[in-house]
Amino acid sequence: MTANDSLGFVEAYGMVAAIEAADAMVKTARVKVKTVLNADAGLLSVICEGDLAACKAAVDAGKAAADRVGKCLRTNLIPRPAGGIETLISKSIGSEIFPTKTKAKSPVAKKGPAKK
């Protein structure tokens, strides 16, 4: 995340509404869906990042899309979040439904020379 990026949040009730919100968010503005968190039973939070205007447009579109197929509970927009907020979101809150991509370690263990 760069210094001028913002975070946009759409909290929806149900997976279908959350997916619809995420789809509308990325189609409406130049944002990236950072993650979808399972906040509580049935509550899912879609988090996007991008510049402030793009996040605002994406959050508005995500709210409208979630309300069309389900229920949008609340939204939020954080311009230039403090450094620890990203860590708080990725490490501490809920469980990730669509985690961010990281390099996977090879499941095959490296072995040394065979012993005779």
C-alpha atoms as a PDB file:
ATOM      1  CA  MET A   1       0.000   0.000   0.000  1.00  0.00           C
ATOM      2  CA  THR A   2       1.420   3.396  -0.947  1.00  0.00           C
ATOM      3  CA  ALA A   3       1.272   6.506   1.214  1.00  0.00           C
ATOM      4  CA  ASN A   4      -1.696   7.989  -0.674  1.00  0.00           C
ATOM      5  CA  ASP A   5      -3.822   4.840  -0.802  1.00  0.00           C
ATOM      6  CA  SER A   6      -7.117   4.619   1.022  1.00  0.00           C
ATOM      7  CA  LEU A   7      -9.137   1.693   2.324  1.00  0.00           C
ATOM      8  CA  GLY A   8     -12.815   1.138   1.563  1.00  0.00           C
ATOM      9  CA  PHE A   9     -15.046  -1.237   3.520  1.00  0.00           C
ATOM     10  CA  VAL A  10     -18.429  -2.765   2.698  1.00  0.00           C
ATOM     11  CA  GLU A  11     -19.980  -5.033   5.322  1.00  0.00           C
ATOM     12  CA  ALA A  12     -22.670  -7.278   3.885  1.00  0.00           C
ATOM     13  CA  TYR A  13     -24.868 -10.020   5.248  1.00  0.00           C
ATOM     14  CA  GLY A  14     -24.249 -13.236   3.316  1.00  0.00           C
ATOM     15  CA  MET A  15     -21.676 -14.529   0.855  1.00  0.00           C
ATOM     16  CA  VAL A  16     -23.732 -13.699  -2.241  1.00  0.00           C
ATOM     17  CA  ALA A  17     -24.097 -10.052  -1.227  1.00  0.00           C
ATOM     18  CA  ALA A  18     -20.381  -9.809  -0.385  1.00  0.00           C
ATOM     19  CA  ILE A  19     -19.326 -11.296  -3.724  1.00  0.00           C
ATOM     20  CA  GLU A  20     -21.731  -9.005  -5.569  1.00  0.00           C
ATOM     21  CA  ALA A  21     -20.294  -6.021  -3.680  1.00  0.00           C
ATOM     22  CA  ALA A  22     -16.698  -7.036  -4.471  1.00  0.00           C
ATOM     23  CA  ASP A  23     -17.537  -7.512  -8.147  1.00  0.00           C
ATOM     24  CA  ALA A  24     -19.190  -4.088  -8.380  1.00  0.00           C
ATOM     25  CA  MET A  25     -16.311  -2.451  -6.531  1.00  0.00           C
ATOM     26  CA  VAL A  26     -13.607  -3.592  -8.945  1.00  0.00           C
ATOM     27  CA  LYS A  27     -15.758  -2.944 -12.017  1.00  0.00           C
ATOM     28  CA  THR A  28     -16.646   0.599 -10.956  1.00  0.00           C
ATOM     29  CA  ALA A  29     -13.277   2.048 -10.009  1.00  0.00           C
ATOM     30  CA  ARG A  30      -9.573   1.366 -10.149  1.00  0.00           C
ATOM     31  CA  VAL A  31      -9.342  -0.444  -6.818  1.00  0.00           C
ATOM     32  CA  LYS A  32      -8.029  -3.798  -5.708  1.00  0.00           C
ATOM     33  CA  VAL A  33     -10.023  -6.014  -3.357  1.00  0.00           C
ATOM     34  CA  LYS A  34      -7.557  -6.589  -0.583  1.00  0.00           C
ATOM     35  CA  THR A  35      -9.486  -9.273   1.235  1.00  0.00           C
ATOM     36  CA  VAL A  36     -12.891 -10.494   2.335  1.00  0.00           C
ATOM     37  CA  LEU A  37     -13.117 -11.105   6.064  1.00  0.00           C
ATOM     38  CA  ASN A  38     -15.647 -13.223   7.903  1.00  0.00           C
ATOM     39  CA  ALA A  39     -16.535 -10.814  10.693  1.00  0.00           C
ATOM     40  CA  ASP A  40     -19.270 -12.858  12.395  1.00  0.00           C
ATOM     41  CA  ALA A  41     -21.944 -15.412  11.565  1.00  0.00           C
ATOM     42  CA  GLY A  42     -23.065 -14.348   8.097  1.00  0.00           C
ATOM     43  CA  LEU A  43     -21.312 -10.975   8.170  1.00  0.00           C
ATOM     44  CA  LEU A  44     -18.617 -10.473   5.562  1.00  0.00           C
ATOM     45  CA  SER A  45     -16.457  -7.401   5.109  1.00  0.00           C
ATOM     46  CA  VAL A  46     -15.076  -6.613   1.656  1.00  0.00           C
ATOM     47  CA  ILE A  47     -11.975  -4.421   1.887  1.00  0.00           C
ATOM     48  CA  CYS A  48     -10.567  -2.587  -1.106  1.00  0.00           C
ATOM     49  CA  GLU A  49      -7.605  -0.273  -1.575  1.00  0.00           C
ATOM     50  CA  GLY A  50      -6.836   2.485  -4.033  1.00  0.00           C
ATOM     51  CA  ASP A  51      -6.835   6.259  -4.198  1.00  0.00           C
ATOM     52  CA  LEU A  52      -9.478   8.132  -2.213  1.00  0.00           C
ATOM     53  CA  ALA A  53     -11.841   8.971  -5.087  1.00  0.00           C
ATOM     54  CA  ALA A  54     -11.683   5.422  -6.462  1.00  0.00           C
ATOM     55  CA  CYS A  55     -12.369   3.889  -3.045  1.00  0.00           C
ATOM     56  CA  LYS A  56     -15.326   6.250  -2.517  1.00  0.00           C
ATOM     57  CA  ALA A  57     -16.847   5.281  -5.875  1.00  0.00           C
ATOM     58  CA  ALA A  58     -16.151   1.583  -5.228  1.00  0.00           C
ATOM     59  CA  VAL A  59     -17.738   1.645  -1.759  1.00  0.00           C
ATOM     60  CA  ASP A  60     -20.846   3.380  -3.098  1.00  0.00           C
ATOM     61  CA  ALA A  61     -21.165   0.830  -5.909  1.00  0.00           C
ATOM     62  CA  GLY A  62     -20.514  -2.080  -3.529  1.00  0.00           C
ATOM     63  CA  LYS A  63     -23.199  -0.859  -1.133  1.00  0.00           C
ATOM     64  CA  ALA A  64     -25.768  -0.562  -3.933  1.00  0.00           C
ATOM     65  CA  ALA A  65     -24.866  -4.001  -5.324  1.00  0.00           C
ATOM     66  CA  ALA A  66     -25.048  -5.704  -1.923  1.00  0.00           C
ATOM     67  CA  ASP A  67     -28.445  -4.116  -1.249  1.00  0.00           C
ATOM     68  CA  ARG A  68     -29.770  -5.386  -4.598  1.00  0.00           C
ATOM     69  CA  VAL A  69     -29.162  -9.058  -3.785  1.00  0.00           C
ATOM     70  CA  GLY A  70     -29.067  -9.034   0.010  1.00  0.00           C
ATOM     71  CA  LYS A  71     -28.276  -6.543   2.709  1.00  0.00           C
ATOM     72  CA  CYS A  72     -25.448  -4.059   3.161  1.00  0.00           C
ATOM     73  CA  LEU A  73     -25.076  -3.308   6.853  1.00  0.00           C
ATOM     74  CA  ARG A  74     -22.506  -0.512   6.831  1.00  0.00           C
ATOM     75  CA  THR A  75     -19.660   1.047   4.895  1.00  0.00           C
ATOM     76  CA  ASN A  76     -16.536   2.963   5.769  1.00  0.00           C
ATOM     77  CA  LEU A  77     -13.743   4.818   4.025  1.00  0.00           C
ATOM     78  CA  ILE A  78     -10.333   5.487   5.563  1.00  0.00           C
ATOM     79  CA  PRO A  79      -8.153   7.976   3.692  1.00  0.00           C
ATOM     80  CA  ARG A  80      -4.419   7.392   4.203  1.00  0.00           C
ATOM     81  CA  PRO A  81      -4.746   4.861   7.060  1.00  0.00           C
ATOM     82  CA  ALA A  82      -2.091   4.757   9.778  1.00  0.00           C
ATOM     83  CA  GLY A  83       0.676   2.198   9.374  1.00  0.00           C
ATOM     84  CA  GLY A  84      -0.646  -0.325  11.887  1.00  0.00           C
ATOM     85  CA  ILE A  85      -4.156  -0.481  10.421  1.00  0.00           C
ATOM     86  CA  GLU A  86      -3.119  -2.753   7.543  1.00  0.00           C
ATOM     87  CA  THR A  87      -1.475  -5.168   9.989  1.00  0.00           C
ATOM     88  CA  LEU A  88      -4.531  -5.067  12.244  1.00  0.00           C
ATOM     89  CA  ILE A  89      -6.798  -5.962   9.340  1.00  0.00           C
ATOM     90  CA  SER A  90      -4.655  -8.720   7.883  1.00  0.00           C
ATOM     91  CA  LYS A  91      -3.545 -10.359  11.130  1.00  0.00           C
ATOM     92  CA  SER A  92      -6.112  -9.683  13.824  1.00  0.00           C
ATOM     93  CA  ILE A  93      -9.647  -9.320  12.528  1.00  0.00           C
ATOM     94  CA  GLY A  94     -11.830 -12.306  11.633  1.00  0.00           C
ATOM     95  CA  SER A  95     -10.826 -15.027   9.225  1.00  0.00           C
ATOM     96  CA  GLU A  96      -9.965 -14.435   5.600  1.00  0.00           C
ATOM     97  CA  ILE A  97     -12.300 -15.840   2.991  1.00  0.00           C
ATOM     98  CA  PHE A  98     -10.211 -14.692   0.034  1.00  0.00           C
ATOM     99  CA  PRO A  99      -6.686 -14.263   1.430  1.00  0.00           C
ATOM    100  CA  THR A 100      -4.129 -12.158  -0.387  1.00  0.00           C
ATOM    101  CA  LYS A 101      -1.738 -14.146  -2.531  1.00  0.00           C
ATOM    102  CA  THR A 102       1.605 -14.997  -0.992  1.00  0.00           C
ATOM    103  CA  LYS A 103       4.412 -17.148  -2.233  1.00  0.00           C
ATOM    104  CA  ALA A 104       3.691 -20.705  -1.213  1.00  0.00           C
ATOM    105  CA  LYS A 105       6.477 -22.846   0.146  1.00  0.00           C
ATOM    106  CA  SER A 106       7.123 -26.059  -1.652  1.00  0.00           C
ATOM    107  CA  PRO A 107       5.418 -28.984   0.109  1.00  0.00           C
ATOM    108  CA  VAL A 108       8.342 -31.257  -0.845  1.00  0.00           C
ATOM    109  CA  ALA A 109      11.059 -31.190   1.780  1.00  0.00           C
ATOM    110  CA  LYS A 110      14.608 -30.912   0.522  1.00  0.00           C
ATOM    111  CA  LYS A 111      16.653 -33.914   1.455  1.00  0.00           C
ATOM    112  CA  GLY A 112      20.376 -34.205   1.789  1.00  0.00           C
ATOM    113  CA  PRO A 113      22.480 -36.933   0.202  1.00  0.00           C
ATOM    114  CA  ALA A 114      21.151 -40.449   0.632  1.00  0.00           C
ATOM    115  CA  LYS A 115      22.804 -42.459   3.381  1.00  0.00           C
ATOM    116  CA  LYS A 116      24.092 -45.929   2.561  1.00  0.00           C
END
